[in-house]
Amino acid sequence: MQDAGSTLPAEYCTVLIGFMEVISTLLVSFIVDKAGRRLLLTLSCLIMSLCAIAIGIFFHLKDHHHDVSSLGWLPLVSLCLFIVVFSIGYGPIPWALMPEILPSEIKGIAGSIACVVNWVCAFLVTKFFSNLVAAFGSGITFWIFAAVSAVGVVFSWHLPETKGKSFEEIQKMLAGDEKVKGRSSTRSVAC
């Protein structure tokens, strides 16, 4: 926020971002079963990508000596929106999907592997963010994140919807059984 030239002190920005994350995490528990996992994942990635593009544009303009004083709000709003949609989609839903799609005999090991991969990737992003900014500039770094999120949009859109489906129906969908894809079950799967 200091690099962006925010008029709010960094401490207030941090509190605002934390508040937005708590509210959005509470919100997801109410909407995930109504909206569906695929829709929330797709929208989450799409909006995260747009937010990263906006932050990238801001820093690109700033780095190329354009006057961005009237856009000082853009990084904070984009970051808050990014956190909200992450907390509604890509933050919690992959963890909720794992018990729905994994057979019980591999849930433990597969869940552990997924957790390790998640935290290794989070570590790598945190560790090398400054290196990317130093090498390419803030604008391009955020555009790289936007591109990764855009790939997530395509990936998410092609996931089968698991809302209201039994484990057996989900397994048939993953195996490519077209008959199951359009049918919804009255039995919901507990996460």
N, C-alpha and C. Protein backbone atom coordinates (compact mmCIF):
# COMPACT_ATOMS: atom_id res chain seq x y z
N MET A 1 0.82 -1.18 0.00
CA MET A 1 0.00 0.00 0.00
C MET A 1 0.87 1.26 0.00
N GLN A 2 2.04 1.17 0.64
CA GLN A 2 2.95 2.32 0.61
C GLN A 2 3.45 2.56 -0.81
N ASP A 3 3.79 1.49 -1.52
CA ASP A 3 4.25 1.63 -2.91
C ASP A 3 3.16 2.22 -3.78
N ALA A 4 1.91 1.91 -3.47
CA ALA A 4 0.80 2.41 -4.27
C ALA A 4 0.48 3.86 -3.96
N GLY A 5 1.01 4.37 -2.84
CA GLY A 5 0.75 5.75 -2.48
C GLY A 5 -0.61 5.94 -1.84
N SER A 6 -1.09 4.94 -1.14
CA SER A 6 -2.39 5.02 -0.49
C SER A 6 -2.40 6.15 0.54
N THR A 7 -3.53 6.84 0.62
CA THR A 7 -3.65 7.92 1.60
C THR A 7 -3.95 7.37 2.99
N LEU A 8 -4.42 6.12 3.06
CA LEU A 8 -4.65 5.48 4.35
C LEU A 8 -3.34 4.93 4.89
N PRO A 9 -3.12 5.03 6.20
CA PRO A 9 -1.93 4.41 6.78
C PRO A 9 -1.94 2.89 6.54
N ALA A 10 -0.77 2.31 6.42
CA ALA A 10 -0.64 0.88 6.13
C ALA A 10 -1.36 0.03 7.17
N GLU A 11 -1.34 0.47 8.44
CA GLU A 11 -2.01 -0.30 9.49
C GLU A 11 -3.51 -0.38 9.25
N TYR A 12 -4.11 0.72 8.81
CA TYR A 12 -5.56 0.74 8.53
C TYR A 12 -5.88 -0.15 7.32
N CYS A 13 -5.01 -0.11 6.33
CA CYS A 13 -5.22 -0.96 5.16
C CYS A 13 -5.20 -2.44 5.57
N THR A 14 -4.26 -2.80 6.44
CA THR A 14 -4.15 -4.18 6.90
C THR A 14 -5.40 -4.60 7.67
N VAL A 15 -5.90 -3.71 8.54
CA VAL A 15 -7.11 -4.01 9.30
C VAL A 15 -8.30 -4.15 8.36
N LEU A 16 -8.42 -3.26 7.38
CA LEU A 16 -9.52 -3.32 6.42
C LEU A 16 -9.49 -4.62 5.62
N ILE A 17 -8.32 -5.01 5.19
CA ILE A 17 -8.18 -6.25 4.42
C ILE A 17 -8.54 -7.45 5.29
N GLY A 18 -8.07 -7.48 6.53
CA GLY A 18 -8.42 -8.57 7.45
C GLY A 18 -9.92 -8.64 7.70
N PHE A 19 -10.54 -7.48 7.89
CA PHE A 19 -11.99 -7.42 8.11
C PHE A 19 -12.74 -7.98 6.90
N MET A 20 -12.31 -7.60 5.70
CA MET A 20 -12.95 -8.09 4.48
C MET A 20 -12.81 -9.60 4.37
N GLU A 21 -11.68 -10.13 4.77
CA GLU A 21 -11.46 -11.57 4.69
C GLU A 21 -12.38 -12.32 5.66
N VAL A 22 -12.53 -11.79 6.88
CA VAL A 22 -13.40 -12.44 7.86
C VAL A 22 -14.85 -12.43 7.37
N ILE A 23 -15.33 -11.31 6.89
CA ILE A 23 -16.71 -11.19 6.41
C ILE A 23 -16.95 -12.14 5.23
N SER A 24 -16.02 -12.17 4.28
CA SER A 24 -16.22 -13.02 3.11
C SER A 24 -16.14 -14.50 3.46
N THR A 25 -15.31 -14.86 4.43
CA THR A 25 -15.23 -16.26 4.86
C THR A 25 -16.54 -16.68 5.50
N LEU A 26 -17.15 -15.80 6.27
CA LEU A 26 -18.47 -16.10 6.85
C LEU A 26 -19.53 -16.21 5.75
N LEU A 27 -19.44 -15.34 4.75
CA LEU A 27 -20.41 -15.34 3.66
C LEU A 27 -20.40 -16.64 2.87
N VAL A 28 -19.23 -17.22 2.66
CA VAL A 28 -19.13 -18.43 1.84
C VAL A 28 -19.92 -19.58 2.43
N SER A 29 -19.99 -19.66 3.74
CA SER A 29 -20.71 -20.78 4.35
C SER A 29 -22.20 -20.73 4.01
N PHE A 30 -22.72 -19.56 3.70
CA PHE A 30 -24.13 -19.42 3.37
C PHE A 30 -24.42 -19.62 1.88
N ILE A 31 -23.43 -19.34 1.02
CA ILE A 31 -23.73 -19.36 -0.41
C ILE A 31 -23.18 -20.55 -1.18
N VAL A 32 -22.24 -21.30 -0.61
CA VAL A 32 -21.59 -22.36 -1.38
C VAL A 32 -22.58 -23.45 -1.82
N ASP A 33 -23.52 -23.81 -0.98
CA ASP A 33 -24.48 -24.85 -1.36
C ASP A 33 -25.60 -24.31 -2.24
N LYS A 34 -25.81 -23.02 -2.25
CA LYS A 34 -26.84 -22.43 -3.10
C LYS A 34 -26.32 -22.12 -4.50
N ALA A 35 -25.13 -21.55 -4.58
CA ALA A 35 -24.58 -21.12 -5.87
C ALA A 35 -23.88 -22.24 -6.62
N GLY A 36 -23.32 -23.19 -5.92
CA GLY A 36 -22.59 -24.27 -6.58
C GLY A 36 -21.09 -24.00 -6.59
N ARG A 37 -20.34 -25.07 -6.54
CA ARG A 37 -18.89 -24.96 -6.44
C ARG A 37 -18.26 -24.43 -7.73
N ARG A 38 -18.67 -24.96 -8.87
CA ARG A 38 -18.04 -24.57 -10.14
C ARG A 38 -18.25 -23.09 -10.42
N LEU A 39 -19.45 -22.59 -10.22
CA LEU A 39 -19.73 -21.17 -10.46
C LEU A 39 -18.88 -20.29 -9.55
N LEU A 40 -18.82 -20.63 -8.27
CA LEU A 40 -18.04 -19.82 -7.34
C LEU A 40 -16.55 -19.86 -7.66
N LEU A 41 -16.04 -21.04 -8.03
CA LEU A 41 -14.62 -21.14 -8.40
C LEU A 41 -14.32 -20.32 -9.65
N THR A 42 -15.19 -20.42 -10.65
CA THR A 42 -14.98 -19.70 -11.90
C THR A 42 -15.04 -18.20 -11.70
N LEU A 43 -16.09 -17.73 -11.00
CA LEU A 43 -16.20 -16.30 -10.73
C LEU A 43 -15.05 -15.80 -9.87
N SER A 44 -14.65 -16.61 -8.91
CA SER A 44 -13.54 -16.24 -8.05
C SER A 44 -12.28 -15.99 -8.88
N CYS A 45 -11.94 -16.93 -9.73
CA CYS A 45 -10.73 -16.78 -10.55
C CYS A 45 -10.86 -15.62 -11.54
N LEU A 46 -12.02 -15.46 -12.13
CA LEU A 46 -12.22 -14.38 -13.09
C LEU A 46 -12.02 -13.02 -12.43
N ILE A 47 -12.65 -12.82 -11.29
CA ILE A 47 -12.54 -11.53 -10.60
C ILE A 47 -11.14 -11.34 -10.03
N MET A 48 -10.52 -12.42 -9.54
CA MET A 48 -9.13 -12.31 -9.06
C MET A 48 -8.22 -11.88 -10.20
N SER A 49 -8.45 -12.43 -11.39
CA SER A 49 -7.65 -12.06 -12.55
C SER A 49 -7.84 -10.59 -12.90
N LEU A 50 -9.10 -10.13 -12.90
CA LEU A 50 -9.38 -8.72 -13.20
C LEU A 50 -8.76 -7.79 -12.16
N CYS A 51 -8.80 -8.18 -10.91
CA CYS A 51 -8.19 -7.37 -9.84
C CYS A 51 -6.68 -7.27 -10.04
N ALA A 52 -6.04 -8.39 -10.35
CA ALA A 52 -4.59 -8.39 -10.58
C ALA A 52 -4.24 -7.56 -11.81
N ILE A 53 -5.08 -7.61 -12.84
CA ILE A 53 -4.86 -6.76 -14.03
C ILE A 53 -4.93 -5.29 -13.63
N ALA A 54 -5.94 -4.92 -12.83
CA ALA A 54 -6.09 -3.52 -12.41
C ALA A 54 -4.89 -3.05 -11.60
N ILE A 55 -4.43 -3.89 -10.67
CA ILE A 55 -3.24 -3.52 -9.88
C ILE A 55 -2.02 -3.41 -10.79
N GLY A 56 -1.91 -4.33 -11.75
CA GLY A 56 -0.80 -4.28 -12.70
C GLY A 56 -0.82 -3.01 -13.54
N ILE A 57 -2.00 -2.61 -13.98
CA ILE A 57 -2.12 -1.36 -14.76
C ILE A 57 -1.69 -0.17 -13.91
N PHE A 58 -2.16 -0.15 -12.65
CA PHE A 58 -1.78 0.95 -11.76
C PHE A 58 -0.26 1.06 -11.64
N PHE A 59 0.39 -0.07 -11.33
CA PHE A 59 1.84 -0.03 -11.15
C PHE A 59 2.58 0.22 -12.46
N HIS A 60 2.04 -0.27 -13.56
CA HIS A 60 2.66 0.01 -14.86
C HIS A 60 2.65 1.51 -15.14
N LEU A 61 1.49 2.14 -14.89
CA LEU A 61 1.39 3.59 -15.08
C LEU A 61 2.35 4.32 -14.13
N LYS A 62 2.39 3.88 -12.88
CA LYS A 62 3.25 4.52 -11.89
C LYS A 62 4.72 4.36 -12.27
N ASP A 63 5.09 3.15 -12.68
CA ASP A 63 6.49 2.89 -13.04
C ASP A 63 6.92 3.67 -14.28
N HIS A 64 5.95 4.03 -15.13
CA HIS A 64 6.27 4.79 -16.34
C HIS A 64 5.97 6.29 -16.15
N HIS A 65 5.97 6.70 -14.90
CA HIS A 65 5.91 8.11 -14.51
C HIS A 65 4.64 8.83 -14.93
N HIS A 66 3.53 8.12 -14.96
CA HIS A 66 2.23 8.77 -15.16
C HIS A 66 1.70 9.20 -13.80
N ASP A 67 0.89 10.22 -13.80
CA ASP A 67 0.30 10.70 -12.55
C ASP A 67 -0.82 9.75 -12.13
N VAL A 68 -0.61 9.03 -11.04
CA VAL A 68 -1.61 8.08 -10.54
C VAL A 68 -2.19 8.54 -9.21
N SER A 69 -1.98 9.82 -8.89
CA SER A 69 -2.46 10.32 -7.60
C SER A 69 -3.98 10.20 -7.47
N SER A 70 -4.70 10.31 -8.57
CA SER A 70 -6.16 10.17 -8.51
C SER A 70 -6.59 8.69 -8.47
N LEU A 71 -5.66 7.77 -8.65
CA LEU A 71 -5.97 6.34 -8.63
C LEU A 71 -5.42 5.63 -7.39
N GLY A 72 -5.07 6.38 -6.37
CA GLY A 72 -4.50 5.79 -5.17
C GLY A 72 -5.41 4.78 -4.50
N TRP A 73 -6.70 4.87 -4.74
CA TRP A 73 -7.69 3.94 -4.17
C TRP A 73 -7.68 2.60 -4.90
N LEU A 74 -7.24 2.56 -6.16
CA LEU A 74 -7.37 1.36 -6.99
C LEU A 74 -6.67 0.13 -6.42
N PRO A 75 -5.42 0.22 -5.98
CA PRO A 75 -4.79 -0.99 -5.43
C PRO A 75 -5.50 -1.53 -4.19
N LEU A 76 -5.93 -0.64 -3.29
CA LEU A 76 -6.59 -1.09 -2.07
C LEU A 76 -7.94 -1.73 -2.39
N VAL A 77 -8.73 -1.10 -3.24
CA VAL A 77 -10.03 -1.67 -3.62
C VAL A 77 -9.83 -3.00 -4.35
N SER A 78 -8.88 -3.04 -5.26
CA SER A 78 -8.62 -4.27 -6.01
C SER A 78 -8.14 -5.38 -5.09
N LEU A 79 -7.26 -5.05 -4.15
CA LEU A 79 -6.77 -6.06 -3.22
C LEU A 79 -7.87 -6.56 -2.30
N CYS A 80 -8.72 -5.65 -1.81
CA CYS A 80 -9.85 -6.06 -0.96
C CYS A 80 -10.80 -6.97 -1.74
N LEU A 81 -11.12 -6.58 -2.97
CA LEU A 81 -12.00 -7.40 -3.79
C LEU A 81 -11.36 -8.75 -4.09
N PHE A 82 -10.07 -8.76 -4.38
CA PHE A 82 -9.33 -9.99 -4.62
C PHE A 82 -9.47 -10.93 -3.41
N ILE A 83 -9.26 -10.39 -2.22
CA ILE A 83 -9.33 -11.21 -1.01
C ILE A 83 -10.74 -11.72 -0.77
N VAL A 84 -11.74 -10.88 -1.02
CA VAL A 84 -13.13 -11.31 -0.84
C VAL A 84 -13.46 -12.46 -1.77
N VAL A 85 -13.15 -12.32 -3.06
CA VAL A 85 -13.52 -13.39 -4.00
C VAL A 85 -12.65 -14.63 -3.81
N PHE A 86 -11.40 -14.45 -3.37
CA PHE A 86 -10.59 -15.62 -3.03
C PHE A 86 -11.22 -16.36 -1.85
N SER A 87 -11.66 -15.62 -0.86
CA SER A 87 -12.25 -16.23 0.34
C SER A 87 -13.60 -16.86 0.07
N ILE A 88 -14.25 -16.46 -1.01
CA ILE A 88 -15.54 -17.05 -1.38
C ILE A 88 -15.35 -18.24 -2.32
N GLY A 89 -14.28 -18.26 -3.08
CA GLY A 89 -14.09 -19.30 -4.08
C GLY A 89 -12.86 -20.15 -3.86
N TYR A 90 -11.74 -19.69 -4.37
CA TYR A 90 -10.54 -20.52 -4.39
C TYR A 90 -9.90 -20.75 -3.04
N GLY A 91 -10.30 -20.00 -2.02
CA GLY A 91 -9.78 -20.26 -0.68
C GLY A 91 -10.37 -21.52 -0.08
N PRO A 92 -11.70 -21.58 0.11
CA PRO A 92 -12.29 -22.72 0.82
C PRO A 92 -12.79 -23.86 -0.06
N ILE A 93 -13.22 -23.59 -1.27
CA ILE A 93 -13.93 -24.62 -2.04
C ILE A 93 -13.05 -25.82 -2.41
N PRO A 94 -11.79 -25.64 -2.79
CA PRO A 94 -10.99 -26.85 -3.06
C PRO A 94 -10.92 -27.79 -1.86
N TRP A 95 -10.89 -27.23 -0.65
CA TRP A 95 -10.85 -28.07 0.55
C TRP A 95 -12.19 -28.77 0.77
N ALA A 96 -13.27 -28.12 0.37
CA ALA A 96 -14.59 -28.75 0.49
C ALA A 96 -14.80 -29.81 -0.59
N LEU A 97 -14.17 -29.63 -1.74
CA LEU A 97 -14.30 -30.59 -2.84
C LEU A 97 -13.56 -31.90 -2.57
N MET A 98 -12.44 -31.82 -1.87
CA MET A 98 -11.65 -33.03 -1.66
C MET A 98 -12.44 -34.18 -1.05
N PRO A 99 -13.18 -33.96 0.04
CA PRO A 99 -13.93 -35.09 0.59
C PRO A 99 -15.05 -35.57 -0.33
N GLU A 100 -15.51 -34.70 -1.22
CA GLU A 100 -16.58 -35.08 -2.13
C GLU A 100 -16.10 -35.96 -3.28
N ILE A 101 -14.85 -35.75 -3.71
CA ILE A 101 -14.40 -36.46 -4.92
C ILE A 101 -13.40 -37.58 -4.65
N LEU A 102 -12.81 -37.62 -3.46
CA LEU A 102 -11.80 -38.64 -3.19
C LEU A 102 -12.40 -39.85 -2.50
N PRO A 103 -12.08 -41.05 -2.98
CA PRO A 103 -12.51 -42.26 -2.29
C PRO A 103 -11.92 -42.31 -0.89
N SER A 104 -12.64 -42.90 0.04
CA SER A 104 -12.22 -42.89 1.44
C SER A 104 -10.86 -43.55 1.66
N GLU A 105 -10.51 -44.54 0.84
CA GLU A 105 -9.24 -45.24 1.06
C GLU A 105 -8.02 -44.38 0.71
N ILE A 106 -8.18 -43.28 -0.03
CA ILE A 106 -7.03 -42.42 -0.35
C ILE A 106 -7.19 -40.99 0.17
N LYS A 107 -8.28 -40.70 0.88
CA LYS A 107 -8.51 -39.32 1.35
C LYS A 107 -7.35 -38.81 2.21
N GLY A 108 -6.86 -39.62 3.10
CA GLY A 108 -5.79 -39.18 4.00
C GLY A 108 -4.52 -38.80 3.26
N ILE A 109 -4.02 -39.69 2.42
CA ILE A 109 -2.77 -39.43 1.71
C ILE A 109 -2.96 -38.35 0.64
N ALA A 110 -4.07 -38.40 -0.09
CA ALA A 110 -4.32 -37.40 -1.13
C ALA A 110 -4.53 -36.02 -0.51
N GLY A 111 -5.25 -35.96 0.60
CA GLY A 111 -5.44 -34.69 1.28
C GLY A 111 -4.13 -34.13 1.80
N SER A 112 -3.28 -35.00 2.30
CA SER A 112 -1.97 -34.57 2.79
C SER A 112 -1.10 -34.04 1.66
N ILE A 113 -1.12 -34.73 0.53
CA ILE A 113 -0.34 -34.29 -0.64
C ILE A 113 -0.86 -32.94 -1.12
N ALA A 114 -2.18 -32.79 -1.21
CA ALA A 114 -2.77 -31.52 -1.65
C ALA A 114 -2.39 -30.39 -0.70
N CYS A 115 -2.40 -30.67 0.58
CA CYS A 115 -2.04 -29.66 1.58
C CYS A 115 -0.58 -29.23 1.43
N VAL A 116 0.31 -30.20 1.26
CA VAL A 116 1.73 -29.89 1.10
C VAL A 116 1.96 -29.08 -0.17
N VAL A 117 1.35 -29.50 -1.28
CA VAL A 117 1.51 -28.77 -2.54
C VAL A 117 0.99 -27.33 -2.38
N ASN A 118 -0.16 -27.18 -1.74
CA ASN A 118 -0.73 -25.84 -1.52
C ASN A 118 0.24 -24.95 -0.74
N TRP A 119 0.77 -25.46 0.35
CA TRP A 119 1.64 -24.63 1.18
C TRP A 119 3.01 -24.41 0.54
N VAL A 120 3.51 -25.35 -0.23
CA VAL A 120 4.76 -25.13 -0.95
C VAL A 120 4.55 -24.03 -2.00
N CYS A 121 3.44 -24.07 -2.71
CA CYS A 121 3.16 -23.02 -3.71
C CYS A 121 2.98 -21.66 -3.03
N ALA A 122 2.28 -21.63 -1.90
CA ALA A 122 2.11 -20.36 -1.16
C ALA A 122 3.47 -19.83 -0.70
N PHE A 123 4.33 -20.73 -0.24
CA PHE A 123 5.68 -20.33 0.17
C PHE A 123 6.46 -19.76 -1.01
N LEU A 124 6.39 -20.44 -2.17
CA LEU A 124 7.14 -19.98 -3.35
C LEU A 124 6.67 -18.61 -3.81
N VAL A 125 5.35 -18.39 -3.81
CA VAL A 125 4.83 -17.07 -4.20
C VAL A 125 5.33 -16.00 -3.23
N THR A 126 5.25 -16.29 -1.94
CA THR A 126 5.70 -15.32 -0.94
C THR A 126 7.20 -15.08 -1.04
N LYS A 127 7.96 -16.15 -1.19
CA LYS A 127 9.42 -16.05 -1.24
C LYS A 127 9.90 -15.28 -2.46
N PHE A 128 9.30 -15.53 -3.62
CA PHE A 128 9.83 -14.97 -4.86
C PHE A 128 9.07 -13.76 -5.38
N PHE A 129 8.06 -13.28 -4.66
CA PHE A 129 7.33 -12.09 -5.09
C PHE A 129 8.28 -10.90 -5.26
N SER A 130 9.10 -10.65 -4.26
CA SER A 130 10.04 -9.52 -4.33
C SER A 130 11.03 -9.69 -5.47
N ASN A 131 11.46 -10.92 -5.72
CA ASN A 131 12.39 -11.18 -6.83
C ASN A 131 11.73 -10.88 -8.18
N LEU A 132 10.45 -11.26 -8.31
CA LEU A 132 9.73 -10.97 -9.55
C LEU A 132 9.57 -9.47 -9.74
N VAL A 133 9.23 -8.77 -8.67
CA VAL A 133 9.08 -7.31 -8.76
C VAL A 133 10.41 -6.67 -9.15
N ALA A 134 11.50 -7.13 -8.54
CA ALA A 134 12.81 -6.58 -8.86
C ALA A 134 13.20 -6.88 -10.31
N ALA A 135 12.86 -8.06 -10.79
CA ALA A 135 13.25 -8.45 -12.14
C ALA A 135 12.36 -7.84 -13.23
N PHE A 136 11.05 -7.79 -12.98
CA PHE A 136 10.12 -7.39 -14.03
C PHE A 136 9.33 -6.12 -13.74
N GLY A 137 9.31 -5.70 -12.49
CA GLY A 137 8.48 -4.57 -12.09
C GLY A 137 7.15 -5.06 -11.52
N SER A 138 6.51 -4.20 -10.75
CA SER A 138 5.25 -4.58 -10.09
C SER A 138 4.14 -4.87 -11.09
N GLY A 139 4.05 -4.07 -12.14
CA GLY A 139 2.98 -4.25 -13.13
C GLY A 139 3.00 -5.63 -13.75
N ILE A 140 4.14 -6.02 -14.27
CA ILE A 140 4.25 -7.32 -14.93
C ILE A 140 4.06 -8.45 -13.93
N THR A 141 4.56 -8.27 -12.71
CA THR A 141 4.37 -9.31 -11.69
C THR A 141 2.89 -9.57 -11.44
N PHE A 142 2.11 -8.50 -11.31
CA PHE A 142 0.67 -8.69 -11.09
C PHE A 142 0.00 -9.25 -12.35
N TRP A 143 0.51 -8.92 -13.52
CA TRP A 143 -0.06 -9.50 -14.75
C TRP A 143 0.24 -10.99 -14.84
N ILE A 144 1.38 -11.41 -14.30
CA ILE A 144 1.67 -12.85 -14.23
C ILE A 144 0.64 -13.55 -13.35
N PHE A 145 0.35 -12.94 -12.19
CA PHE A 145 -0.69 -13.50 -11.31
C PHE A 145 -2.04 -13.51 -12.01
N ALA A 146 -2.33 -12.47 -12.79
CA ALA A 146 -3.60 -12.41 -13.53
C ALA A 146 -3.67 -13.54 -14.55
N ALA A 147 -2.56 -13.83 -15.21
CA ALA A 147 -2.54 -14.92 -16.20
C ALA A 147 -2.78 -16.27 -15.54
N VAL A 148 -2.17 -16.48 -14.38
CA VAL A 148 -2.38 -17.74 -13.65
C VAL A 148 -3.85 -17.86 -13.25
N SER A 149 -4.44 -16.77 -12.79
CA SER A 149 -5.86 -16.79 -12.43
C SER A 149 -6.74 -17.03 -13.65
N ALA A 150 -6.35 -16.49 -14.80
CA ALA A 150 -7.12 -16.72 -16.03
C ALA A 150 -7.10 -18.20 -16.42
N VAL A 151 -5.96 -18.86 -16.22
CA VAL A 151 -5.89 -20.30 -16.45
C VAL A 151 -6.84 -21.01 -15.49
N GLY A 152 -6.92 -20.52 -14.26
CA GLY A 152 -7.84 -21.07 -13.27
C GLY A 152 -9.29 -20.94 -13.69
N VAL A 153 -9.63 -19.87 -14.42
CA VAL A 153 -11.00 -19.69 -14.92
C VAL A 153 -11.35 -20.85 -15.86
N VAL A 154 -10.46 -21.13 -16.80
CA VAL A 154 -10.69 -22.20 -17.77
C VAL A 154 -10.77 -23.55 -17.05
N PHE A 155 -9.85 -23.79 -16.12
CA PHE A 155 -9.84 -25.04 -15.37
C PHE A 155 -11.15 -25.20 -14.58
N SER A 156 -11.54 -24.16 -13.87
CA SER A 156 -12.74 -24.23 -13.03
C SER A 156 -14.00 -24.46 -13.85
N TRP A 157 -14.07 -23.83 -14.99
CA TRP A 157 -15.26 -23.96 -15.82
C TRP A 157 -15.46 -25.40 -16.31
N HIS A 158 -14.38 -26.12 -16.43
CA HIS A 158 -14.47 -27.49 -16.92
C HIS A 158 -14.62 -28.53 -15.80
N LEU A 159 -14.66 -28.08 -14.56
CA LEU A 159 -14.91 -29.01 -13.46
C LEU A 159 -16.38 -29.41 -13.44
N PRO A 160 -16.67 -30.63 -13.07
CA PRO A 160 -18.08 -31.00 -12.92
C PRO A 160 -18.66 -30.38 -11.65
N GLU A 161 -19.93 -30.03 -11.69
CA GLU A 161 -20.60 -29.49 -10.50
C GLU A 161 -20.93 -30.64 -9.56
N THR A 162 -20.54 -30.51 -8.30
CA THR A 162 -20.77 -31.58 -7.32
C THR A 162 -21.91 -31.25 -6.37
N LYS A 163 -22.46 -30.05 -6.47
CA LYS A 163 -23.53 -29.65 -5.56
C LYS A 163 -24.73 -30.59 -5.68
N GLY A 164 -25.14 -31.15 -4.55
CA GLY A 164 -26.31 -32.02 -4.53
C GLY A 164 -26.11 -33.40 -5.13
N LYS A 165 -24.88 -33.79 -5.38
CA LYS A 165 -24.60 -35.09 -5.99
C LYS A 165 -24.04 -36.05 -4.93
N SER A 166 -24.38 -37.31 -5.08
CA SER A 166 -23.81 -38.33 -4.20
C SER A 166 -22.38 -38.63 -4.64
N PHE A 167 -21.63 -39.31 -3.79
CA PHE A 167 -20.26 -39.68 -4.13
C PHE A 167 -20.23 -40.54 -5.40
N GLU A 168 -21.18 -41.46 -5.52
CA GLU A 168 -21.23 -42.33 -6.69
C GLU A 168 -21.49 -41.53 -7.97
N GLU A 169 -22.39 -40.57 -7.89
CA GLU A 169 -22.67 -39.73 -9.06
C GLU A 169 -21.46 -38.89 -9.45
N ILE A 170 -20.76 -38.38 -8.46
CA ILE A 170 -19.56 -37.59 -8.72
C ILE A 170 -18.50 -38.45 -9.39
N GLN A 171 -18.32 -39.68 -8.92
CA GLN A 171 -17.33 -40.58 -9.52
C GLN A 171 -17.68 -40.90 -10.97
N LYS A 172 -18.98 -41.09 -11.24
CA LYS A 172 -19.40 -41.35 -12.63
C LYS A 172 -19.15 -40.13 -13.50
N MET A 173 -19.40 -38.93 -12.97
CA MET A 173 -19.15 -37.71 -13.73
C MET A 173 -17.66 -37.57 -14.05
N LEU A 174 -16.82 -37.84 -13.05
CA LEU A 174 -15.38 -37.75 -13.27
C LEU A 174 -14.89 -38.80 -14.26
N ALA A 175 -15.60 -39.92 -14.33
CA ALA A 175 -15.24 -40.97 -15.29
C ALA A 175 -15.77 -40.67 -16.68
N GLY A 176 -16.60 -39.61 -16.81
CA GLY A 176 -17.08 -39.20 -18.12
C GLY A 176 -18.45 -39.74 -18.48
N ASP A 177 -19.22 -40.24 -17.53
CA ASP A 177 -20.57 -40.74 -17.80
C ASP A 177 -21.50 -39.56 -18.04
N GLU A 178 -21.88 -39.32 -19.28
CA GLU A 178 -22.70 -38.17 -19.67
C GLU A 178 -24.10 -38.21 -19.08
N LYS A 179 -24.64 -39.38 -18.78
CA LYS A 179 -25.99 -39.49 -18.27
C LYS A 179 -26.14 -38.82 -16.90
N VAL A 180 -25.08 -38.82 -16.13
CA VAL A 180 -25.14 -38.29 -14.77
C VAL A 180 -25.01 -36.77 -14.76
N LYS A 181 -24.33 -36.19 -15.75
CA LYS A 181 -24.00 -34.77 -15.71
C LYS A 181 -25.23 -33.88 -15.61
N GLY A 182 -26.29 -34.19 -16.28
CA GLY A 182 -27.47 -33.32 -16.25
C GLY A 182 -28.41 -33.61 -15.11
N ARG A 183 -28.26 -34.73 -14.46
CA ARG A 183 -29.19 -35.15 -13.43
C ARG A 183 -28.71 -34.66 -12.07
N SER A 184 -29.62 -34.19 -11.25
CA SER A 184 -29.21 -33.82 -9.91
C SER A 184 -29.87 -34.75 -8.91
N SER A 185 -29.16 -35.01 -7.87
CA SER A 185 -29.65 -35.91 -6.85
C SER A 185 -30.29 -35.11 -5.73
N THR A 186 -31.23 -35.70 -5.04
CA THR A 186 -31.83 -35.04 -3.91
C THR A 186 -30.98 -35.21 -2.67
N ARG A 187 -30.06 -36.12 -2.73
CA ARG A 187 -29.16 -36.35 -1.61
C ARG A 187 -27.97 -35.42 -1.71
N SER A 188 -27.68 -34.69 -0.67
CA SER A 188 -26.51 -33.81 -0.72
C SER A 188 -25.34 -34.50 -0.02
N VAL A 189 -24.17 -34.13 -0.42
CA VAL A 189 -22.96 -34.71 0.12
C VAL A 189 -22.44 -33.80 1.21
N ALA A 190 -22.24 -34.34 2.38
CA ALA A 190 -21.68 -33.54 3.47
C ALA A 190 -20.20 -33.42 3.31
N CYS A 191 -19.69 -32.24 3.58
CA CYS A 191 -18.24 -32.01 3.44
C CYS A 191 -17.55 -32.25 4.74
